[in-house]
C-alpha atoms as a PDB file:
ATOM      1  CA  MET A   1     -10.767  57.730 -46.138  1.00  0.00           C
ATOM      2  CA  LYS A   2      -9.423  54.250 -46.718  1.00  0.00           C
ATOM      3  CA  LEU A   3     -10.023  51.709 -43.885  1.00  0.00           C
ATOM      4  CA  LEU A   4      -8.061  48.799 -45.299  1.00  0.00           C
ATOM      5  CA  THR A   5      -4.558  50.158 -44.836  1.00  0.00           C
ATOM      6  CA  ARG A   6      -1.454  48.220 -43.932  1.00  0.00           C
ATOM      7  CA  PRO A   7      -1.348  49.496 -40.296  1.00  0.00           C
ATOM      8  CA  ASN A   8      -5.054  48.735 -39.803  1.00  0.00           C
ATOM      9  CA  LEU A   9      -4.618  45.248 -41.226  1.00  0.00           C
ATOM     10  CA  ALA A  10      -1.613  44.619 -38.949  1.00  0.00           C
ATOM     11  CA  ALA A  11      -3.568  45.858 -35.930  1.00  0.00           C
ATOM     12  CA  ALA A  12      -6.508  43.601 -36.835  1.00  0.00           C
ATOM     13  CA  CYS A  13      -4.169  40.601 -37.094  1.00  0.00           C
ATOM     14  CA  VAL A  14      -2.631  41.366 -33.690  1.00  0.00           C
ATOM     15  CA  VAL A  15      -6.077  41.723 -32.078  1.00  0.00           C
ATOM     16  CA  ALA A  16      -7.273  38.471 -33.678  1.00  0.00           C
ATOM     17  CA  GLY A  17      -4.116  36.659 -32.518  1.00  0.00           C
ATOM     18  CA  LEU A  18      -4.549  37.918 -28.966  1.00  0.00           C
ATOM     19  CA  ALA A  19      -8.228  36.913 -28.949  1.00  0.00           C
ATOM     20  CA  ILE A  20      -7.345  33.400 -30.058  1.00  0.00           C
ATOM     21  CA  ALA A  21      -4.562  33.149 -27.481  1.00  0.00           C
ATOM     22  CA  LEU A  22      -6.738  34.468 -24.630  1.00  0.00           C
ATOM     23  CA  LEU A  23      -9.850  32.477 -25.504  1.00  0.00           C
ATOM     24  CA  GLY A  24      -8.073  29.268 -26.487  1.00  0.00           C
ATOM     25  CA  ARG A  25      -7.426  28.037 -22.956  1.00  0.00           C
ATOM     26  CA  PRO A  26     -10.927  28.697 -21.522  1.00  0.00           C
ATOM     27  CA  VAL A  27     -12.550  27.121 -24.584  1.00  0.00           C
ATOM     28  CA  THR A  28     -10.290  24.065 -24.292  1.00  0.00           C
ATOM     29  CA  ARG A  29     -11.151  23.753 -20.580  1.00  0.00           C
ATOM     30  CA  LEU A  30     -14.853  24.029 -21.361  1.00  0.00           C
ATOM     31  CA  ILE A  31     -14.593  21.266 -23.959  1.00  0.00           C
ATOM     32  CA  ARG A  32     -12.790  19.028 -21.440  1.00  0.00           C
ATOM     33  CA  VAL A  33     -15.319  19.721 -18.685  1.00  0.00           C
ATOM     34  CA  ARG A  34     -18.172  18.758 -21.014  1.00  0.00           C
ATOM     35  CA  ARG A  35     -16.595  15.298 -21.383  1.00  0.00           C
ATOM     36  CA  ALA A  36     -17.558  14.625 -17.751  1.00  0.00           C
ATOM     37  CA  ALA A  37     -20.973  16.294 -17.907  1.00  0.00           C
ATOM     38  CA  ILE A  38     -23.834  14.962 -15.776  1.00  0.00           C
ATOM     39  CA  GLY A  39     -25.357  11.932 -17.473  1.00  0.00           C
ATOM     40  CA  THR A  40     -22.292  11.150 -19.597  1.00  0.00           C
ATOM     41  CA  ARG A  41     -21.161   7.531 -19.390  1.00  0.00           C
ATOM     42  CA  LEU A  42     -17.544   8.013 -18.439  1.00  0.00           C
ATOM     43  CA  LEU A  43     -16.270   4.597 -17.325  1.00  0.00           C
ATOM     44  CA  THR A  44     -16.931   0.912 -17.776  1.00  0.00           C
ATOM     45  CA  THR A  45     -15.864  -2.053 -15.676  1.00  0.00           C
ATOM     46  CA  GLU A  46     -12.924  -2.416 -18.087  1.00  0.00           C
ATOM     47  CA  ASN A  47     -11.261   0.819 -16.880  1.00  0.00           C
ATOM     48  CA  ARG A  48      -8.432   0.110 -14.476  1.00  0.00           C
ATOM     49  CA  ALA A  49      -5.679   1.924 -12.594  1.00  0.00           C
ATOM     50  CA  SER A  50      -2.667   0.486 -10.757  1.00  0.00           C
ATOM     51  CA  ASP A  51      -1.851   0.540  -7.069  1.00  0.00           C
ATOM     52  CA  LEU A  52       1.613   1.059  -5.594  1.00  0.00           C
ATOM     53  CA  ALA A  53       2.509  -2.610  -6.151  1.00  0.00           C
ATOM     54  CA  GLY A  54       1.473  -2.377  -9.811  1.00  0.00           C
ATOM     55  CA  ARG A  55      -1.699  -4.447  -9.416  1.00  0.00           C
ATOM     56  CA  PRO A  56      -4.606  -3.247 -11.587  1.00  0.00           C
ATOM     57  CA  HIS A  57      -7.851  -2.246  -9.863  1.00  0.00           C
ATOM     58  CA  MET A  58     -11.253  -1.547 -11.380  1.00  0.00           C
ATOM     59  CA  LEU A  59     -12.097   2.137 -11.196  1.00  0.00           C
ATOM     60  CA  LEU A  60     -15.832   1.528 -11.340  1.00  0.00           C
ATOM     61  CA  ALA A  61     -17.348  -0.478  -8.498  1.00  0.00           C
ATOM     62  CA  ALA A  62     -19.416  -3.311  -9.905  1.00  0.00           C
ATOM     63  CA  ASP A  63     -21.968  -3.387  -7.087  1.00  0.00           C
ATOM     64  CA  SER A  64     -22.379   0.230  -5.960  1.00  0.00           C
ATOM     65  CA  MET A  65     -21.945   3.867  -6.879  1.00  0.00           C
ATOM     66  CA  THR A  66     -18.370   5.146  -7.115  1.00  0.00           C
ATOM     67  CA  LEU A  67     -16.855   8.407  -5.944  1.00  0.00           C
ATOM     68  CA  LEU A  68     -13.872   8.999  -8.194  1.00  0.00           C
ATOM     69  CA  VAL A  69     -11.533  11.504  -6.544  1.00  0.00           C
ATOM     70  CA  MET A  70      -9.068  12.946  -9.030  1.00  0.00           C
ATOM     71  CA  LEU A  71      -5.996  14.338  -7.277  1.00  0.00           C
ATOM     72  CA  ASP A  72      -2.437  15.342  -8.157  1.00  0.00           C
ATOM     73  CA  ALA A  73       0.474  14.137  -6.038  1.00  0.00           C
ATOM     74  CA  LYS A  74       2.370  17.380  -6.673  1.00  0.00           C
ATOM     75  CA  ASP A  75      -0.547  19.653  -5.778  1.00  0.00           C
ATOM     76  CA  MET A  76      -0.372  21.117  -2.256  1.00  0.00           C
ATOM     77  CA  HIS A  77      -4.183  21.213  -1.947  1.00  0.00           C
ATOM     78  CA  SER A  78      -4.379  17.490  -2.720  1.00  0.00           C
ATOM     79  CA  ARG A  79      -1.571  16.690  -0.284  1.00  0.00           C
ATOM     80  CA  SER A  80      -2.848  18.837   2.574  1.00  0.00           C
ATOM     81  CA  ASN A  81      -6.396  17.463   2.342  1.00  0.00           C
ATOM     82  CA  LEU A  82      -5.404  13.792   2.512  1.00  0.00           C
ATOM     83  CA  ARG A  83      -6.433  13.738   6.198  1.00  0.00           C
ATOM     84  CA  MET A  84      -9.962  14.729   5.180  1.00  0.00           C
ATOM     85  CA  TYR A  85     -10.332  12.062   2.468  1.00  0.00           C
ATOM     86  CA  ALA A  86     -10.041   9.027   4.777  1.00  0.00           C
ATOM     87  CA  PRO A  87     -13.182   9.947   6.798  1.00  0.00           C
ATOM     88  CA  LEU A  88     -14.968  10.746   3.521  1.00  0.00           C
ATOM     89  CA  ALA A  89     -14.130   7.281   2.166  1.00  0.00           C
ATOM     90  CA  GLN A  90     -15.199   5.633   5.429  1.00  0.00           C
ATOM     91  CA  TRP A  91     -18.489   7.559   5.455  1.00  0.00           C
ATOM     92  CA  GLY A  92     -18.994   6.585   1.803  1.00  0.00           C
ATOM     93  CA  ARG A  93     -18.592   2.890   2.589  1.00  0.00           C
ATOM     94  CA  LEU A  94     -21.353   3.207   5.202  1.00  0.00           C
ATOM     95  CA  GLN A  95     -23.594   4.743   2.524  1.00  0.00           C
ATOM     96  CA  GLY A  96     -22.825   2.030  -0.058  1.00  0.00           C
ATOM     97  CA  LEU A  97     -20.375   4.202  -1.978  1.00  0.00           C
ATOM     98  CA  ALA A  98     -16.981   2.978  -3.199  1.00  0.00           C
ATOM     99  CA  SER A  99     -14.229   5.611  -3.290  1.00  0.00           C
ATOM    100  CA  ARG A 100     -11.276   5.623  -5.685  1.00  0.00           C
ATOM    101  CA  PHE A 101      -8.432   8.115  -5.245  1.00  0.00           C
ATOM    102  CA  VAL A 102      -6.482   8.587  -8.476  1.00  0.00           C
ATOM    103  CA  VAL A 103      -3.325  10.554  -9.353  1.00  0.00           C
ATOM    104  CA  PRO A 104      -1.745  11.069 -12.816  1.00  0.00           C
ATOM    105  CA  ASN A 105       1.848  11.400 -11.685  1.00  0.00           C
ATOM    106  CA  ASP A 106       5.115   9.649 -12.392  1.00  0.00           C
ATOM    107  CA  THR A 107       6.022   6.617 -10.304  1.00  0.00           C
ATOM    108  CA  VAL A 108       8.192   8.483  -7.767  1.00  0.00           C
ATOM    109  CA  ALA A 109       5.608  11.196  -7.007  1.00  0.00           C
ATOM    110  CA  PHE A 110       2.858   8.553  -6.947  1.00  0.00           C
ATOM    111  CA  ALA A 111       4.796   6.390  -4.468  1.00  0.00           C
ATOM    112  CA  GLN A 112       5.453   9.350  -2.144  1.00  0.00           C
ATOM    113  CA  PHE A 113       1.790  10.376  -2.274  1.00  0.00           C
ATOM    114  CA  ALA A 114       0.580   6.810  -1.631  1.00  0.00           C
ATOM    115  CA  ARG A 115       2.866   6.521   1.407  1.00  0.00           C
ATOM    116  CA  LEU A 116       1.636   9.894   2.654  1.00  0.00           C
ATOM    117  CA  ALA A 117      -1.964   8.642   2.298  1.00  0.00           C
ATOM    118  CA  GLY A 118      -1.135   5.590   4.418  1.00  0.00           C
ATOM    119  CA  ASP A 119      -3.281   2.503   4.873  1.00  0.00           C
ATOM    120  CA  LYS A 120      -6.619   4.303   5.119  1.00  0.00           C
ATOM    121  CA  LEU A 121      -6.787   5.294   1.447  1.00  0.00           C
ATOM    122  CA  GLU A 122      -6.040   3.232  -1.586  1.00  0.00           C
ATOM    123  CA  VAL A 123      -4.392   5.557  -4.081  1.00  0.00           C
ATOM    124  CA  LEU A 124      -4.267   4.487  -7.718  1.00  0.00           C
ATOM    125  CA  GLN A 125      -2.161   5.725 -10.613  1.00  0.00           C
ATOM    126  CA  ALA A 126      -3.587   6.754 -13.997  1.00  0.00           C
ATOM    127  CA  SER A 127      -1.939   8.474 -16.935  1.00  0.00           C
ATOM    128  CA  PRO A 128      -2.121  12.240 -17.513  1.00  0.00           C
ATOM    129  CA  ALA A 129      -3.670  11.463 -20.918  1.00  0.00           C
ATOM    130  CA  TRP A 130      -6.497   9.636 -19.153  1.00  0.00           C
ATOM    131  CA  TYR A 131      -7.176  12.728 -16.999  1.00  0.00           C
ATOM    132  CA  THR A 132      -7.445  14.797 -20.167  1.00  0.00           C
ATOM    133  CA  LYS A 133      -9.628  12.175 -21.850  1.00  0.00           C
ATOM    134  CA  ILE A 134     -12.223  12.208 -19.067  1.00  0.00           C
ATOM    135  CA  GLY A 135     -12.182  15.987 -18.724  1.00  0.00           C
ATOM    136  CA  VAL A 136     -10.264  16.719 -15.524  1.00  0.00           C
ATOM    137  CA  THR A 137      -9.135  20.340 -15.741  1.00  0.00           C
ATOM    138  CA  ALA A 138      -8.452  21.039 -12.066  1.00  0.00           C
ATOM    139  CA  VAL A 139      -7.717  19.057  -8.924  1.00  0.00           C
ATOM    140  CA  PRO A 140      -9.266  17.913  -6.782  1.00  0.00           C
ATOM    141  CA  THR A 141     -12.216  16.847  -8.925  1.00  0.00           C
ATOM    142  CA  PHE A 142     -14.894  14.596  -7.445  1.00  0.00           C
ATOM    143  CA  LEU A 143     -17.045  12.541  -9.819  1.00  0.00           C
ATOM    144  CA  LEU A 144     -20.000  10.533  -8.537  1.00  0.00           C
ATOM    145  CA  LEU A 145     -20.642   7.630 -10.914  1.00  0.00           C
ATOM    146  CA  ASP A 146     -23.515   5.173 -10.901  1.00  0.00           C
ATOM    147  CA  ALA A 147     -23.008   1.432 -11.453  1.00  0.00           C
ATOM    148  CA  SER A 148     -23.176   1.889 -15.248  1.00  0.00           C
ATOM    149  CA  GLY A 149     -20.387   4.504 -15.186  1.00  0.00           C
ATOM    150  CA  ALA A 150     -22.595   7.546 -15.844  1.00  0.00           C
ATOM    151  CA  VAL A 151     -21.708  10.807 -14.081  1.00  0.00           C
ATOM    152  CA  ARG A 152     -24.356  11.695 -11.489  1.00  0.00           C
ATOM    153  CA  GLY A 153     -22.477  14.468  -9.681  1.00  0.00           C
ATOM    154  CA  ARG A 154     -19.383  16.599 -10.286  1.00  0.00           C
ATOM    155  CA  TRP A 155     -17.538  18.857  -7.849  1.00  0.00           C
ATOM    156  CA  VAL A 156     -14.298  20.743  -8.492  1.00  0.00           C
ATOM    157  CA  GLY A 157     -12.134  22.228  -5.752  1.00  0.00           C
ATOM    158  CA  ASP A 158     -13.558  21.186  -2.424  1.00  0.00           C
ATOM    159  CA  ALA A 159     -15.021  17.861  -1.363  1.00  0.00           C
ATOM    160  CA  PRO A 160     -18.801  17.770  -1.691  1.00  0.00           C
ATOM    161  CA  PRO A 161     -20.680  18.218   1.587  1.00  0.00           C
ATOM    162  CA  HIS A 162     -21.944  14.882   2.909  1.00  0.00           C
ATOM    163  CA  LEU A 163     -25.600  15.916   2.725  1.00  0.00           C
ATOM    164  CA  GLU A 164     -25.277  17.130  -0.859  1.00  0.00           C
ATOM    165  CA  LEU A 165     -23.520  13.911  -1.851  1.00  0.00           C
ATOM    166  CA  LEU A 166     -26.212  11.864  -0.122  1.00  0.00           C
ATOM    167  CA  ASN A 167     -28.975  13.811  -1.909  1.00  0.00           C
ATOM    168  CA  VAL A 168     -27.384  13.222  -5.320  1.00  0.00           C
ATOM    169  CA  MET A 169     -26.912   9.518  -4.515  1.00  0.00           C
ATOM    170  CA  THR A 170     -30.574   9.226  -3.469  1.00  0.00           C
ATOM    171  CA  ARG A 171     -31.808  10.927  -6.661  1.00  0.00           C
ATOM    172  CA  ALA A 172     -29.552   8.698  -8.807  1.00  0.00           C
ATOM    173  CA  ARG A 173     -30.788   5.518  -7.119  1.00  0.00           C
ATOM    174  CA  SER A 174     -34.483   6.341  -7.560  1.00  0.00           C
END
């Protein structure tokens, strides 16, 4: 009985192709997520994003920890939770935490999202390539960064509970 026949070889190629296609996306996502792993220095004070008027703003707060909230202006979850982010940012300021809300969208979508956010949140625009570079695979993604730009906490999907965020901040400061 011969195992290396033309039909067997074709079937093996199809199975290998399907395995690569099915595993390619999860492996790529895993590689991206590892870019923003706990302890990784992700930002410096040189990293900037623009506001609605085109003025550049530092993403990393020079004098405190930073909560970097990665959103998408076209994502319904990001849009519907805007009401929740203003109290989170206000609470963060009371705890000595600077919040930055960033979207990777084109100018029109960014402008609509910034207007929807109103005066209570400062929304900044970054490039989609920058999202990929720092490992954002889903929105919303919350990254807690210390003053040196190292990731101290990472949450994907829902905003971190206040107590959990406070615990991570306390551990990072000590």
